[in-house]
Amino acid sequence: MYINADIYSKPDSSLIIPDDGVVTFGNAHFVFEVLQPGKYKMLEVIPGVHTADSRQISFKDSSISADKTFVISGAYTLLMQLKNTEEE
């Protein structure tokens, strides 16, 4: 038995980040925006579709645009450094 089907979907642009660029802390997911070399800003994201080694994300704060530079590797290292310096 064969079926022919037409599938219609609306186009959607998304930001895809490698898994190593997305961290989970508490009950939330975060990425790091690169402000300048050695300076980062932690941004909360809403995770979407997950593939073998990357994740679709959208920003919790809708005013943030995807035209920024994000950390794509070593995000957990940055998270640990950030949390260790805040406790001192």
PDB file of N, CA and C in Angstrom:
ATOM      1  N   MET A   1       0.846  -1.166   0.000  1.00  0.00           N
ATOM      2  CA  MET A   1       0.000   0.000   0.000  1.00  0.00           C
ATOM      3  C   MET A   1       0.898   1.238   0.000  1.00  0.00           C
ATOM      4  N   TYR A   2       0.589   2.216  -0.826  1.00  0.00           N
ATOM      5  CA  TYR A   2       1.335   3.462  -0.931  1.00  0.00           C
ATOM      6  C   TYR A   2       0.402   4.641  -0.692  1.00  0.00           C
ATOM      7  N   ILE A   3       0.969   5.685  -0.134  1.00  0.00           N
ATOM      8  CA  ILE A   3       0.209   6.912   0.086  1.00  0.00           C
ATOM      9  C   ILE A   3       1.034   8.077  -0.452  1.00  0.00           C
ATOM     10  N   ASN A   4       0.410   8.944  -1.198  1.00  0.00           N
ATOM     11  CA  ASN A   4       1.033  10.194  -1.623  1.00  0.00           C
ATOM     12  C   ASN A   4       0.475  11.297  -0.740  1.00  0.00           C
ATOM     13  N   ALA A   5       1.366  12.165  -0.266  1.00  0.00           N
ATOM     14  CA  ALA A   5       0.916  13.238   0.616  1.00  0.00           C
ATOM     15  C   ALA A   5       1.681  14.514   0.310  1.00  0.00           C
ATOM     16  N   ASP A   6       1.010  15.622   0.462  1.00  0.00           N
ATOM     17  CA  ASP A   6       1.637  16.925   0.393  1.00  0.00           C
ATOM     18  C   ASP A   6       1.653  17.480   1.810  1.00  0.00           C
ATOM     19  N   ILE A   7       2.820  17.906   2.259  1.00  0.00           N
ATOM     20  CA  ILE A   7       2.952  18.449   3.607  1.00  0.00           C
ATOM     21  C   ILE A   7       3.269  19.929   3.483  1.00  0.00           C
ATOM     22  N   TYR A   8       2.470  20.735   4.129  1.00  0.00           N
ATOM     23  CA  TYR A   8       2.655  22.178   4.114  1.00  0.00           C
ATOM     24  C   TYR A   8       3.052  22.634   5.509  1.00  0.00           C
ATOM     25  N   SER A   9       4.051  23.479   5.549  1.00  0.00           N
ATOM     26  CA  SER A   9       4.454  24.045   6.834  1.00  0.00           C
ATOM     27  C   SER A   9       4.930  25.464   6.599  1.00  0.00           C
ATOM     28  N   LYS A  10       4.805  26.252   7.632  1.00  0.00           N
ATOM     29  CA  LYS A  10       5.269  27.629   7.498  1.00  0.00           C
ATOM     30  C   LYS A  10       6.767  27.670   7.785  1.00  0.00           C
ATOM     31  N   PRO A  11       7.508  28.480   7.049  1.00  0.00           N
ATOM     32  CA  PRO A  11       8.944  28.586   7.294  1.00  0.00           C
ATOM     33  C   PRO A  11       9.208  29.193   8.664  1.00  0.00           C
ATOM     34  N   ASP A  12      10.246  28.717   9.304  1.00  0.00           N
ATOM     35  CA  ASP A  12      10.593  29.199  10.626  1.00  0.00           C
ATOM     36  C   ASP A  12      12.111  29.287  10.707  1.00  0.00           C
ATOM     37  N   SER A  13      12.620  30.440  11.079  1.00  0.00           N
ATOM     38  CA  SER A  13      14.060  30.552  11.262  1.00  0.00           C
ATOM     39  C   SER A  13      14.365  30.350  12.739  1.00  0.00           C
ATOM     40  N   SER A  14      15.395  29.593  13.003  1.00  0.00           N
ATOM     41  CA  SER A  14      15.755  29.264  14.374  1.00  0.00           C
ATOM     42  C   SER A  14      17.256  29.394  14.549  1.00  0.00           C
ATOM     43  N   LEU A  15      17.655  29.523  15.775  1.00  0.00           N
ATOM     44  CA  LEU A  15      19.067  29.525  16.116  1.00  0.00           C
ATOM     45  C   LEU A  15      19.417  28.129  16.607  1.00  0.00           C
ATOM     46  N   ILE A  16      20.446  27.555  16.018  1.00  0.00           N
ATOM     47  CA  ILE A  16      20.909  26.222  16.401  1.00  0.00           C
ATOM     48  C   ILE A  16      22.276  26.379  17.055  1.00  0.00           C
ATOM     49  N   ILE A  17      22.424  25.821  18.237  1.00  0.00           N
ATOM     50  CA  ILE A  17      23.671  25.910  18.999  1.00  0.00           C
ATOM     51  C   ILE A  17      24.148  24.483  19.282  1.00  0.00           C
ATOM     52  N   PRO A  18      25.448  24.215  19.159  1.00  0.00           N
ATOM     53  CA  PRO A  18      25.955  22.902  19.563  1.00  0.00           C
ATOM     54  C   PRO A  18      25.643  22.639  21.043  1.00  0.00           C
ATOM     55  N   ASP A  19      25.468  21.380  21.390  1.00  0.00           N
ATOM     56  CA  ASP A  19      25.151  21.023  22.777  1.00  0.00           C
ATOM     57  C   ASP A  19      26.143  21.603  23.778  1.00  0.00           C
ATOM     58  N   ASP A  20      27.409  21.692  23.391  1.00  0.00           N
ATOM     59  CA  ASP A  20      28.439  22.189  24.302  1.00  0.00           C
ATOM     60  C   ASP A  20      28.306  23.691  24.564  1.00  0.00           C
ATOM     61  N   GLY A  21      27.416  24.371  23.844  1.00  0.00           N
ATOM     62  CA  GLY A  21      27.198  25.797  24.043  1.00  0.00           C
ATOM     63  C   GLY A  21      25.971  26.109  24.883  1.00  0.00           C
ATOM     64  N   VAL A  22      25.203  25.079  25.254  1.00  0.00           N
ATOM     65  CA  VAL A  22      23.981  25.266  26.049  1.00  0.00           C
ATOM     66  C   VAL A  22      24.185  24.588  27.403  1.00  0.00           C
ATOM     67  N   VAL A  23      23.910  25.310  28.483  1.00  0.00           N
ATOM     68  CA  VAL A  23      24.055  24.746  29.826  1.00  0.00           C
ATOM     69  C   VAL A  23      22.710  24.720  30.532  1.00  0.00           C
ATOM     70  N   THR A  24      22.568  23.789  31.442  1.00  0.00           N
ATOM     71  CA  THR A  24      21.380  23.708  32.289  1.00  0.00           C
ATOM     72  C   THR A  24      21.819  24.047  33.706  1.00  0.00           C
ATOM     73  N   PHE A  25      21.136  25.001  34.311  1.00  0.00           N
ATOM     74  CA  PHE A  25      21.444  25.403  35.681  1.00  0.00           C
ATOM     75  C   PHE A  25      20.121  25.622  36.386  1.00  0.00           C
ATOM     76  N   GLY A  26      19.921  24.920  37.497  1.00  0.00           N
ATOM     77  CA  GLY A  26      18.618  24.965  38.155  1.00  0.00           C
ATOM     78  C   GLY A  26      17.615  24.288  37.239  1.00  0.00           C
ATOM     79  N   ASN A  27      16.527  24.929  36.972  1.00  0.00           N
ATOM     80  CA  ASN A  27      15.513  24.382  36.064  1.00  0.00           C
ATOM     81  C   ASN A  27      15.464  25.148  34.756  1.00  0.00           C
ATOM     82  N   ALA A  28      16.574  25.788  34.376  1.00  0.00           N
ATOM     83  CA  ALA A  28      16.582  26.620  33.173  1.00  0.00           C
ATOM     84  C   ALA A  28      17.779  26.288  32.291  1.00  0.00           C
ATOM     85  N   HIS A  29      17.683  26.690  31.036  1.00  0.00           N
ATOM     86  CA  HIS A  29      18.755  26.515  30.059  1.00  0.00           C
ATOM     87  C   HIS A  29      19.328  27.890  29.723  1.00  0.00           C
ATOM     88  N   PHE A  30      20.642  27.934  29.504  1.00  0.00           N
ATOM     89  CA  PHE A  30      21.325  29.192  29.245  1.00  0.00           C
ATOM     90  C   PHE A  30      22.351  29.044  28.134  1.00  0.00           C
ATOM     91  N   VAL A  31      22.647  30.170  27.464  1.00  0.00           N
ATOM     92  CA  VAL A  31      23.774  30.295  26.555  1.00  0.00           C
ATOM     93  C   VAL A  31      24.568  31.517  27.006  1.00  0.00           C
ATOM     94  N   PHE A  32      25.789  31.621  26.523  1.00  0.00           N
ATOM     95  CA  PHE A  32      26.636  32.767  26.854  1.00  0.00           C
ATOM     96  C   PHE A  32      26.859  33.608  25.617  1.00  0.00           C
ATOM     97  N   GLU A  33      26.516  34.881  25.721  1.00  0.00           N
ATOM     98  CA  GLU A  33      26.809  35.840  24.659  1.00  0.00           C
ATOM     99  C   GLU A  33      28.221  36.366  24.890  1.00  0.00           C
ATOM    100  N   VAL A  34      29.005  36.464  23.817  1.00  0.00           N
ATOM    101  CA  VAL A  34      30.351  37.014  23.910  1.00  0.00           C
ATOM    102  C   VAL A  34      30.241  38.529  23.751  1.00  0.00           C
ATOM    103  N   LEU A  35      30.537  39.270  24.819  1.00  0.00           N
ATOM    104  CA  LEU A  35      30.489  40.731  24.782  1.00  0.00           C
ATOM    105  C   LEU A  35      31.789  41.292  24.219  1.00  0.00           C
ATOM    106  N   GLN A  36      32.895  40.738  24.678  1.00  0.00           N
ATOM    107  CA  GLN A  36      34.243  41.041  24.199  1.00  0.00           C
ATOM    108  C   GLN A  36      35.109  39.885  24.667  1.00  0.00           C
ATOM    109  N   PRO A  37      36.326  39.747  24.180  1.00  0.00           N
ATOM    110  CA  PRO A  37      37.159  38.622  24.627  1.00  0.00           C
ATOM    111  C   PRO A  37      37.275  38.584  26.155  1.00  0.00           C
ATOM    112  N   GLY A  38      36.891  37.481  26.742  1.00  0.00           N
ATOM    113  CA  GLY A  38      36.944  37.314  28.194  1.00  0.00           C
ATOM    114  C   GLY A  38      35.742  37.843  28.956  1.00  0.00           C
ATOM    115  N   LYS A  39      34.784  38.453  28.283  1.00  0.00           N
ATOM    116  CA  LYS A  39      33.566  38.978  28.928  1.00  0.00           C
ATOM    117  C   LYS A  39      32.348  38.316  28.300  1.00  0.00           C
ATOM    118  N   TYR A  40      31.493  37.758  29.160  1.00  0.00           N
ATOM    119  CA  TYR A  40      30.331  37.006  28.683  1.00  0.00           C
ATOM    120  C   TYR A  40      29.085  37.408  29.452  1.00  0.00           C
ATOM    121  N   LYS A  41      27.960  37.236  28.807  1.00  0.00           N
ATOM    122  CA  LYS A  41      26.672  37.495  29.443  1.00  0.00           C
ATOM    123  C   LYS A  41      25.839  36.226  29.326  1.00  0.00           C
ATOM    124  N   MET A  42      25.290  35.780  30.446  1.00  0.00           N
ATOM    125  CA  MET A  42      24.491  34.569  30.493  1.00  0.00           C
ATOM    126  C   MET A  42      23.038  34.907  30.148  1.00  0.00           C
ATOM    127  N   LEU A  43      22.495  34.242  29.120  1.00  0.00           N
ATOM    128  CA  LEU A  43      21.131  34.511  28.671  1.00  0.00           C
ATOM    129  C   LEU A  43      20.276  33.256  28.785  1.00  0.00           C
ATOM    130  N   GLU A  44      19.091  33.398  29.365  1.00  0.00           N
ATOM    131  CA  GLU A  44      18.188  32.250  29.484  1.00  0.00           C
ATOM    132  C   GLU A  44      17.513  31.990  28.140  1.00  0.00           C
ATOM    133  N   VAL A  45      17.429  30.712  27.778  1.00  0.00           N
ATOM    134  CA  VAL A  45      16.823  30.313  26.513  1.00  0.00           C
ATOM    135  C   VAL A  45      15.772  29.244  26.740  1.00  0.00           C
ATOM    136  N   ILE A  46      14.932  29.078  25.746  1.00  0.00           N
ATOM    137  CA  ILE A  46      13.929  28.014  25.745  1.00  0.00           C
ATOM    138  C   ILE A  46      14.416  26.966  24.756  1.00  0.00           C
ATOM    139  N   PRO A  47      14.702  25.758  25.224  1.00  0.00           N
ATOM    140  CA  PRO A  47      15.208  24.734  24.315  1.00  0.00           C
ATOM    141  C   PRO A  47      14.112  24.234  23.382  1.00  0.00           C
ATOM    142  N   GLY A  48      14.520  23.887  22.182  1.00  0.00           N
ATOM    143  CA  GLY A  48      13.587  23.349  21.195  1.00  0.00           C
ATOM    144  C   GLY A  48      14.017  21.964  20.771  1.00  0.00           C
ATOM    145  N   VAL A  49      13.949  21.716  19.492  1.00  0.00           N
ATOM    146  CA  VAL A  49      14.289  20.407  18.936  1.00  0.00           C
ATOM    147  C   VAL A  49      15.754  20.089  19.209  1.00  0.00           C
ATOM    148  N   HIS A  50      16.003  18.856  19.632  1.00  0.00           N
ATOM    149  CA  HIS A  50      17.355  18.407  19.945  1.00  0.00           C
ATOM    150  C   HIS A  50      17.764  17.338  18.944  1.00  0.00           C
ATOM    151  N   THR A  51      18.959  17.498  18.349  1.00  0.00           N
ATOM    152  CA  THR A  51      19.494  16.469  17.456  1.00  0.00           C
ATOM    153  C   THR A  51      20.644  15.780  18.173  1.00  0.00           C
ATOM    154  N   ALA A  52      21.406  15.004  17.446  1.00  0.00           N
ATOM    155  CA  ALA A  52      22.494  14.242  18.057  1.00  0.00           C
ATOM    156  C   ALA A  52      23.520  15.127  18.772  1.00  0.00           C
ATOM    157  N   ASP A  53      23.807  16.297  18.230  1.00  0.00           N
ATOM    158  CA  ASP A  53      24.851  17.120  18.832  1.00  0.00           C
ATOM    159  C   ASP A  53      24.545  18.616  18.845  1.00  0.00           C
ATOM    160  N   SER A  54      23.305  18.994  18.608  1.00  0.00           N
ATOM    161  CA  SER A  54      22.945  20.408  18.646  1.00  0.00           C
ATOM    162  C   SER A  54      21.507  20.583  19.119  1.00  0.00           C
ATOM    163  N   ARG A  55      21.172  21.830  19.422  1.00  0.00           N
ATOM    164  CA  ARG A  55      19.853  22.126  19.971  1.00  0.00           C
ATOM    165  C   ARG A  55      19.328  23.431  19.376  1.00  0.00           C
ATOM    166  N   GLN A  56      18.053  23.417  19.042  1.00  0.00           N
ATOM    167  CA  GLN A  56      17.364  24.631  18.609  1.00  0.00           C
ATOM    168  C   GLN A  56      17.014  25.419  19.861  1.00  0.00           C
ATOM    169  N   ILE A  57      17.226  26.731  19.825  1.00  0.00           N
ATOM    170  CA  ILE A  57      16.877  27.550  20.980  1.00  0.00           C
ATOM    171  C   ILE A  57      16.109  28.792  20.545  1.00  0.00           C
ATOM    172  N   SER A  58      15.327  29.310  21.468  1.00  0.00           N
ATOM    173  CA  SER A  58      14.731  30.630  21.317  1.00  0.00           C
ATOM    174  C   SER A  58      14.961  31.338  22.645  1.00  0.00           C
ATOM    175  N   PHE A  59      14.970  32.649  22.607  1.00  0.00           N
ATOM    176  CA  PHE A  59      15.321  33.421  23.796  1.00  0.00           C
ATOM    177  C   PHE A  59      14.107  33.673  24.672  1.00  0.00           C
ATOM    178  N   LYS A  60      14.294  33.522  25.973  1.00  0.00           N
ATOM    179  CA  LYS A  60      13.231  33.779  26.948  1.00  0.00           C
ATOM    180  C   LYS A  60      12.806  35.244  26.864  1.00  0.00           C
ATOM    181  N   ASP A  61      13.782  36.130  26.706  1.00  0.00           N
ATOM    182  CA  ASP A  61      13.529  37.562  26.535  1.00  0.00           C
ATOM    183  C   ASP A  61      13.437  37.830  25.033  1.00  0.00           C
ATOM    184  N   SER A  62      12.260  38.151  24.548  1.00  0.00           N
ATOM    185  CA  SER A  62      12.048  38.305  23.109  1.00  0.00           C
ATOM    186  C   SER A  62      12.770  39.508  22.507  1.00  0.00           C
ATOM    187  N   SER A  63      13.314  40.395  23.331  1.00  0.00           N
ATOM    188  CA  SER A  63      14.036  41.552  22.796  1.00  0.00           C
ATOM    189  C   SER A  63      15.462  41.199  22.375  1.00  0.00           C
ATOM    190  N   ILE A  64      15.935  40.003  22.710  1.00  0.00           N
ATOM    191  CA  ILE A  64      17.291  39.573  22.343  1.00  0.00           C
ATOM    192  C   ILE A  64      17.248  39.015  20.927  1.00  0.00           C
ATOM    193  N   SER A  65      18.177  39.451  20.107  1.00  0.00           N
ATOM    194  CA  SER A  65      18.218  38.969  18.727  1.00  0.00           C
ATOM    195  C   SER A  65      19.327  37.932  18.559  1.00  0.00           C
ATOM    196  N   ALA A  66      19.218  37.147  17.513  1.00  0.00           N
ATOM    197  CA  ALA A  66      20.172  36.077  17.254  1.00  0.00           C
ATOM    198  C   ALA A  66      21.389  36.553  16.475  1.00  0.00           C
ATOM    199  N   ASP A  67      21.524  37.853  16.251  1.00  0.00           N
ATOM    200  CA  ASP A  67      22.656  38.357  15.474  1.00  0.00           C
ATOM    201  C   ASP A  67      23.881  38.638  16.349  1.00  0.00           C
ATOM    202  N   LYS A  68      23.931  38.075  17.507  1.00  0.00           N
ATOM    203  CA  LYS A  68      25.043  38.243  18.430  1.00  0.00           C
ATOM    204  C   LYS A  68      25.994  37.049  18.299  1.00  0.00           C
ATOM    205  N   THR A  69      27.132  37.112  18.967  1.00  0.00           N
ATOM    206  CA  THR A  69      28.089  36.014  18.971  1.00  0.00           C
ATOM    207  C   THR A  69      27.906  35.230  20.262  1.00  0.00           C
ATOM    208  N   PHE A  70      27.802  33.913  20.133  1.00  0.00           N
ATOM    209  CA  PHE A  70      27.574  33.050  21.294  1.00  0.00           C
ATOM    210  C   PHE A  70      28.690  32.032  21.437  1.00  0.00           C
ATOM    211  N   VAL A  71      28.928  31.632  22.682  1.00  0.00           N
ATOM    212  CA  VAL A  71      29.890  30.569  22.973  1.00  0.00           C
ATOM    213  C   VAL A  71      29.310  29.267  22.440  1.00  0.00           C
ATOM    214  N   ILE A  72      30.098  28.515  21.690  1.00  0.00           N
ATOM    215  CA  ILE A  72      29.602  27.246  21.146  1.00  0.00           C
ATOM    216  C   ILE A  72      30.339  26.038  21.718  1.00  0.00           C
ATOM    217  N   SER A  73      31.322  26.293  22.571  1.00  0.00           N
ATOM    218  CA  SER A  73      32.085  25.212  23.180  1.00  0.00           C
ATOM    219  C   SER A  73      32.573  25.660  24.553  1.00  0.00           C
ATOM    220  N   GLY A  74      32.500  24.771  25.528  1.00  0.00           N
ATOM    221  CA  GLY A  74      33.009  25.082  26.864  1.00  0.00           C
ATOM    222  C   GLY A  74      32.091  25.912  27.732  1.00  0.00           C
ATOM    223  N   ALA A  75      30.800  25.891  27.461  1.00  0.00           N
ATOM    224  CA  ALA A  75      29.858  26.710  28.237  1.00  0.00           C
ATOM    225  C   ALA A  75      29.791  26.261  29.698  1.00  0.00           C
ATOM    226  N   TYR A  76      29.915  24.962  29.975  1.00  0.00           N
ATOM    227  CA  TYR A  76      29.875  24.510  31.368  1.00  0.00           C
ATOM    228  C   TYR A  76      31.088  25.014  32.145  1.00  0.00           C
ATOM    229  N   THR A  77      32.230  25.125  31.485  1.00  0.00           N
ATOM    230  CA  THR A  77      33.416  25.675  32.132  1.00  0.00           C
ATOM    231  C   THR A  77      33.172  27.127  32.523  1.00  0.00           C
ATOM    232  N   LEU A  78      32.572  27.900  31.619  1.00  0.00           N
ATOM    233  CA  LEU A  78      32.231  29.291  31.938  1.00  0.00           C
ATOM    234  C   LEU A  78      31.240  29.369  33.091  1.00  0.00           C
ATOM    235  N   LEU A  79      30.250  28.491  33.092  1.00  0.00           N
ATOM    236  CA  LEU A  79      29.253  28.480  34.161  1.00  0.00           C
ATOM    237  C   LEU A  79      29.916  28.223  35.512  1.00  0.00           C
ATOM    238  N   MET A  80      30.822  27.257  35.572  1.00  0.00           N
ATOM    239  CA  MET A  80      31.496  26.935  36.829  1.00  0.00           C
ATOM    240  C   MET A  80      32.379  28.098  37.288  1.00  0.00           C
ATOM    241  N   GLN A  81      33.070  28.751  36.357  1.00  0.00           N
ATOM    242  CA  GLN A  81      33.877  29.910  36.710  1.00  0.00           C
ATOM    243  C   GLN A  81      32.996  31.041  37.245  1.00  0.00           C
ATOM    244  N   LEU A  82      31.870  31.285  36.584  1.00  0.00           N
ATOM    245  CA  LEU A  82      30.951  32.326  36.997  1.00  0.00           C
ATOM    246  C   LEU A  82      30.401  32.050  38.394  1.00  0.00           C
ATOM    247  N   LYS A  83      29.976  30.846  38.650  1.00  0.00           N
ATOM    248  CA  LYS A  83      29.369  30.510  39.944  1.00  0.00           C
ATOM    249  C   LYS A  83      30.409  30.477  41.050  1.00  0.00           C
ATOM    250  N   ASN A  84      31.658  30.097  40.755  1.00  0.00           N
ATOM    251  CA  ASN A  84      32.697  30.101  41.777  1.00  0.00           C
ATOM    252  C   ASN A  84      33.093  31.511  42.165  1.00  0.00           C
ATOM    253  N   THR A  85      33.143  32.453  41.226  1.00  0.00           N
ATOM    254  CA  THR A  85      33.525  33.820  41.567  1.00  0.00           C
ATOM    255  C   THR A  85      32.422  34.550  42.291  1.00  0.00           C
ATOM    256  N   GLU A  86      31.155  34.191  42.061  1.00  0.00           N
ATOM    257  CA  GLU A  86      30.043  34.853  42.747  1.00  0.00           C
ATOM    258  C   GLU A  86      29.995  34.506  44.218  1.00  0.00           C
ATOM    259  N   GLU A  87      30.518  33.323  44.590  1.00  0.00           N
ATOM    260  CA  GLU A  87      30.457  32.882  45.973  1.00  0.00           C
ATOM    261  C   GLU A  87      31.570  33.465  46.814  1.00  0.00           C
ATOM    262  N   GLU A  88      32.637  33.965  46.220  1.00  0.00           N
ATOM    263  CA  GLU A  88      33.787  34.473  46.972  1.00  0.00           C
ATOM    264  C   GLU A  88      33.487  35.782  47.643  1.00  0.00           C
TER     265      GLU A  88
END
